[in-house]
């Protein structure tokens, strides 16, 4: 009888332990489930800009976020790049070491800057593109920050202009930026949402006709020997030096593991 009681006691403790574990796991992932629910969409083509704005309109979400999110300067979805028909607004996920750095680049350059298929006889140059808008959050000129005389960083007025590639074919220069609201791709997305048959391979082939097989690496731009036109794009002095000798590039390309210092409140 005592042996049976011991067995029952042990099973009771085991069941209690499993229940507590399930409860703790539920608490741990509840935030992720909440977020997942917020960003799901009935369409295969969600409006990422609207989702981000809605999410960060919540003070609790801003407060819990590692970065400053009070002010957000994102182009409306219609003016985003057509790549978002198939990829998310943060598309780099495979390499855990570099994905956050790569995704940050989408704020100030077109996807095609890194993914263009460069071919002999078809020169590529780069320029700032202001999307034809000149208002409080979109101004012509370089995006980003510059160094003041005392060495501190100061934000530029421009928050939205992006660097885009321009290909030259004979006497014709073509800016490589296909907006999300390009009619042929709007028709494609609407057809898919309506459940109509669409030759998706054909659409994707057309959309990626100038995309290369391999993206350029960090050091192909961020190095002193790079042909990337930093100075033409407005980078000078200490800021140019920082771009050409980026510590982040050395960190992600030379080390298998690296650690950020802890953040103390």
Protein backbone atom coordinates (compact mmCIF):
# COMPACT_ATOMS: atom_id res chain seq x y z
CA UNK A 1 0.00 0.00 0.00
CA UNK A 2 2.82 2.38 0.92
CA UNK A 3 4.52 1.63 -2.37
CA UNK A 4 1.33 2.46 -4.28
CA UNK A 5 0.96 5.73 -2.36
CA UNK A 6 4.55 6.66 -3.19
CA UNK A 7 3.87 6.00 -6.90
CA UNK A 8 0.69 8.10 -6.81
CA UNK A 9 2.53 10.87 -4.96
CA UNK A 10 5.29 10.82 -7.57
CA UNK A 11 2.80 10.96 -10.46
CA UNK A 12 1.00 13.86 -8.78
CA UNK A 13 4.25 15.83 -8.47
CA UNK A 14 5.13 15.04 -12.08
CA UNK A 15 1.74 16.24 -13.31
CA UNK A 16 2.06 19.41 -11.24
CA UNK A 17 5.54 20.04 -12.62
CA UNK A 18 4.34 19.60 -16.22
CA UNK A 19 1.40 21.97 -15.60
CA UNK A 20 3.68 24.63 -14.12
CA UNK A 21 6.14 24.27 -17.03
CA UNK A 22 3.36 24.68 -19.59
CA UNK A 23 2.10 27.75 -17.74
CA UNK A 24 5.57 29.35 -17.63
CA UNK A 25 6.18 28.66 -21.33
CA UNK A 26 2.79 30.20 -22.10
CA UNK A 27 3.76 33.38 -20.29
CA UNK A 28 7.13 33.51 -22.04
CA UNK A 29 5.67 33.32 -25.54
CA UNK A 30 2.49 35.30 -24.91
CA UNK A 31 4.07 38.54 -26.15
CA UNK A 32 5.21 36.83 -29.37
CA UNK A 33 1.75 35.38 -29.93
CA UNK A 34 0.22 38.82 -29.35
CA UNK A 35 2.57 40.37 -31.89
CA UNK A 36 1.92 37.59 -34.39
CA UNK A 37 -1.81 38.18 -34.08
CA UNK A 38 -1.33 41.89 -34.69
CA UNK A 39 0.67 41.48 -37.88
CA UNK A 40 -1.35 38.72 -39.53
CA UNK A 41 -3.28 39.81 -42.60
CA UNK A 42 -6.05 38.35 -44.76
CA UNK A 43 -3.95 39.30 -47.77
CA UNK A 44 -0.68 37.76 -48.84
CA UNK A 45 0.51 41.33 -49.26
CA UNK A 46 0.20 43.11 -45.91
CA UNK A 47 0.69 46.85 -45.52
CA UNK A 48 3.85 46.73 -43.42
CA UNK A 49 4.02 50.48 -42.89
CA UNK A 50 0.49 50.60 -41.49
CA UNK A 51 1.20 47.59 -39.28
CA UNK A 52 4.32 49.21 -37.85
CA UNK A 53 2.54 52.48 -37.24
CA UNK A 54 -0.36 50.71 -35.53
CA UNK A 55 1.96 48.60 -33.39
CA UNK A 56 4.09 51.52 -32.22
CA UNK A 57 1.09 53.75 -31.59
CA UNK A 58 0.86 51.74 -28.36
CA UNK A 59 2.92 53.36 -25.62
CA UNK A 60 3.56 49.96 -24.05
CA UNK A 61 5.06 48.65 -27.27
CA UNK A 62 7.29 51.72 -27.61
CA UNK A 63 8.35 51.50 -23.97
CA UNK A 64 9.33 47.83 -24.27
CA UNK A 65 11.28 48.33 -27.49
CA UNK A 66 15.08 48.46 -27.37
CA UNK A 67 15.34 51.32 -29.87
CA UNK A 68 13.74 54.75 -29.98
CA UNK A 69 10.44 54.46 -31.85
CA UNK A 70 8.63 57.66 -30.91
CA UNK A 71 9.31 59.23 -34.29
CA UNK A 72 8.99 57.03 -37.36
CA UNK A 73 9.84 58.22 -40.83
CA UNK A 74 8.68 55.56 -43.28
CA UNK A 75 7.42 56.09 -46.78
CA UNK A 76 3.78 55.11 -47.32
CA UNK A 77 3.40 51.55 -48.59
CA UNK A 78 2.59 52.69 -52.14
CA UNK A 79 5.98 54.39 -52.34
CA UNK A 80 7.93 51.49 -50.89
CA UNK A 81 9.87 49.19 -53.20
CA UNK A 82 8.04 46.50 -55.16
CA UNK A 83 10.30 43.87 -53.56
CA UNK A 84 7.75 43.92 -50.70
CA UNK A 85 5.33 42.02 -52.94
CA UNK A 86 7.31 38.90 -52.04
CA UNK A 87 9.60 39.92 -49.18
CA UNK A 88 8.91 41.51 -45.82
CA UNK A 89 10.04 45.00 -44.88
CA UNK A 90 12.95 43.31 -43.02
CA UNK A 91 13.83 40.55 -45.49
CA UNK A 92 17.27 39.45 -44.26
CA UNK A 93 16.81 36.54 -41.87
CA UNK A 94 19.27 33.77 -42.76
CA UNK A 95 22.54 35.06 -41.29
CA UNK A 96 21.97 35.74 -37.60
CA UNK A 97 25.16 37.80 -37.36
CA UNK A 98 24.43 40.26 -40.14
CA UNK A 99 20.65 40.35 -40.56
CA UNK A 100 20.00 43.40 -38.36
CA UNK A 101 22.77 45.41 -40.06
CA UNK A 102 21.55 44.43 -43.53
CA UNK A 103 17.94 45.23 -42.69
CA UNK A 104 18.91 48.69 -41.42
CA UNK A 105 20.28 49.52 -44.87
CA UNK A 106 16.77 49.39 -46.35
CA UNK A 107 16.01 52.67 -44.56
CA UNK A 108 18.43 54.61 -46.75
CA UNK A 109 19.08 52.63 -49.91
CA UNK A 110 17.20 50.63 -52.50
CA UNK A 111 17.43 46.83 -52.42
CA UNK A 112 19.02 46.98 -55.88
CA UNK A 113 22.11 48.81 -54.59
CA UNK A 114 23.30 45.50 -53.12
CA UNK A 115 21.42 43.07 -55.35
CA UNK A 116 21.95 44.45 -58.86
CA UNK A 117 23.36 42.18 -61.54
CA UNK A 118 26.32 44.20 -62.77
CA UNK A 119 27.24 43.42 -66.37
CA UNK A 120 30.14 44.50 -68.61
CA UNK A 121 29.22 47.39 -70.89
CA UNK A 122 26.37 48.53 -68.66
CA UNK A 123 27.83 51.04 -66.17
CA UNK A 124 26.12 51.54 -62.83
CA UNK A 125 26.22 54.79 -60.86
CA UNK A 126 24.38 55.83 -57.69
CA UNK A 127 22.38 58.87 -56.64
CA UNK A 128 20.08 60.10 -53.90
CA UNK A 129 16.43 59.82 -54.89
CA UNK A 130 13.93 62.04 -53.08
CA UNK A 131 10.70 60.44 -54.38
CA UNK A 132 9.54 63.79 -55.76
CA UNK A 133 8.50 65.05 -52.33
CA UNK A 134 9.78 68.04 -50.38
CA UNK A 135 8.06 68.37 -47.01
CA UNK A 136 8.81 68.25 -43.29
CA UNK A 137 10.14 64.69 -43.36
CA UNK A 138 11.38 64.31 -46.95
CA UNK A 139 13.97 66.71 -48.25
CA UNK A 140 16.50 66.54 -51.02
CA UNK A 141 20.08 65.69 -50.21
CA UNK A 142 21.91 62.95 -48.33
CA UNK A 143 20.17 60.98 -45.62
CA UNK A 144 21.65 60.32 -42.23
CA UNK A 145 24.09 62.05 -39.94
CA UNK A 146 27.15 64.29 -40.12
CA UNK A 147 29.97 65.24 -37.77
CA UNK A 148 29.96 68.62 -36.06
CA UNK A 149 33.14 70.60 -35.35
CA UNK A 150 33.23 69.23 -31.78
CA UNK A 151 33.16 65.64 -33.11
CA UNK A 152 29.58 64.86 -32.11
CA UNK A 153 27.03 63.43 -34.51
CA UNK A 154 24.07 65.48 -35.71
CA UNK A 155 21.07 64.31 -37.75
CA UNK A 156 20.54 65.58 -41.26
CA UNK A 157 17.17 67.13 -42.14
CA UNK A 158 16.50 64.36 -44.65
CA UNK A 159 14.81 61.24 -43.32
CA UNK A 160 13.48 59.40 -46.37
CA UNK A 161 15.63 59.88 -49.49
CA UNK A 162 17.38 56.70 -50.58
CA UNK A 163 20.43 55.80 -52.62
CA UNK A 164 19.39 54.04 -55.81
CA UNK A 165 21.41 52.59 -58.70
CA UNK A 166 21.22 54.12 -62.15
CA UNK A 167 22.20 52.04 -65.18
CA UNK A 168 23.50 53.64 -68.37
CA UNK A 169 22.67 52.08 -71.71
CA UNK A 170 24.12 54.24 -74.46
CA UNK A 171 22.74 57.73 -73.84
CA UNK A 172 19.86 56.53 -71.66
CA UNK A 173 20.05 56.60 -67.85
CA UNK A 174 17.50 54.46 -66.01
CA UNK A 175 16.81 54.70 -62.27
CA UNK A 176 16.32 51.22 -60.82
CA UNK A 177 13.47 51.70 -58.42
CA UNK A 178 10.17 49.91 -58.99
CA UNK A 179 7.54 51.29 -56.65
CA UNK A 180 5.00 49.09 -54.89
CA UNK A 181 2.17 50.89 -56.72
CA UNK A 182 3.51 50.05 -60.21
CA UNK A 183 0.30 49.10 -62.12
CA UNK A 184 1.40 45.67 -63.41
CA UNK A 185 2.30 44.54 -59.89
CA UNK A 186 -0.82 46.08 -58.36
CA UNK A 187 -2.84 43.99 -60.85
CA UNK A 188 -0.81 40.90 -59.89
CA UNK A 189 -1.47 41.30 -56.16
CA UNK A 190 -5.16 41.98 -56.67
CA UNK A 191 -5.49 38.89 -58.87
CA UNK A 192 -3.80 36.70 -56.27
CA UNK A 193 -6.01 38.05 -53.49
CA UNK A 194 -9.08 37.40 -55.65
CA UNK A 195 -8.05 33.76 -56.10
CA UNK A 196 -7.45 34.09 -59.84
CA UNK A 197 -4.84 32.03 -61.70
CA UNK A 198 -1.57 33.95 -61.99
CA UNK A 199 1.68 32.84 -63.58
CA UNK A 200 3.76 33.71 -60.52
CA UNK A 201 7.00 32.39 -62.03
CA UNK A 202 6.60 34.82 -64.95
CA UNK A 203 5.81 37.73 -62.64
CA UNK A 204 8.78 36.99 -60.39
CA UNK A 205 11.13 36.58 -63.36
CA UNK A 206 10.09 40.00 -64.66
CA UNK A 207 10.44 41.61 -61.23
CA UNK A 208 13.93 40.13 -60.73
CA UNK A 209 15.25 40.61 -64.27
CA UNK A 210 18.12 42.80 -63.04
CA UNK A 211 18.76 41.01 -59.74
CA UNK A 212 22.13 39.27 -59.45
CA UNK A 213 22.69 35.79 -58.02
CA UNK A 214 24.88 37.08 -55.17
CA UNK A 215 24.51 40.28 -53.17
CA UNK A 216 27.64 42.35 -52.61
CA UNK A 217 29.41 41.93 -49.28
CA UNK A 218 29.88 44.62 -46.62
CA UNK A 219 33.54 45.23 -47.42
CA UNK A 220 32.85 45.72 -51.12
CA UNK A 221 31.45 49.13 -50.16
CA UNK A 222 32.84 49.79 -46.69
CA UNK A 223 36.56 49.82 -47.47
CA UNK A 224 39.11 52.36 -48.60
CA UNK A 225 39.74 50.45 -51.83
CA UNK A 226 36.03 50.26 -52.71
CA UNK A 227 34.78 51.93 -55.87
CA UNK A 228 31.54 52.89 -54.14
CA UNK A 229 31.13 56.68 -54.74
CA UNK A 230 30.98 57.86 -51.14
CA UNK A 231 32.24 61.37 -51.87
CA UNK A 232 29.93 61.86 -54.86
CA UNK A 233 27.03 60.94 -52.54
CA UNK A 234 28.05 63.63 -50.06
CA UNK A 235 30.24 61.82 -47.51
CA UNK A 236 33.32 63.79 -46.50
CA UNK A 237 35.83 64.16 -43.68
CA UNK A 238 35.41 62.05 -40.55
CA UNK A 239 32.10 60.63 -41.76
CA UNK A 240 33.71 59.36 -44.96
CA UNK A 241 36.50 57.79 -42.91
CA UNK A 242 33.93 56.03 -40.72
CA UNK A 243 32.12 54.64 -43.73
CA UNK A 244 35.32 53.34 -45.30
CA UNK A 245 36.70 51.88 -42.06
CA UNK A 246 33.58 50.58 -40.36
CA UNK A 247 34.22 48.60 -37.17
CA UNK A 248 30.95 46.75 -37.74
CA UNK A 249 32.23 45.33 -41.03
CA UNK A 250 35.31 43.93 -39.33
CA UNK A 251 33.16 42.53 -36.55
CA UNK A 252 30.74 40.60 -38.78
CA UNK A 253 33.26 39.48 -41.40
CA UNK A 254 36.21 38.48 -39.19
CA UNK A 255 34.61 36.97 -36.10
CA UNK A 256 32.35 33.95 -35.70
CA UNK A 257 30.93 35.28 -32.43
CA UNK A 258 30.69 38.76 -30.97
CA UNK A 259 28.88 40.20 -27.98
CA UNK A 260 27.29 43.50 -27.19
CA UNK A 261 27.72 44.91 -23.68
CA UNK A 262 24.68 44.51 -21.41
CA UNK A 263 22.21 47.36 -21.01
CA UNK A 264 21.59 48.42 -17.41
CA UNK A 265 18.59 50.47 -16.37
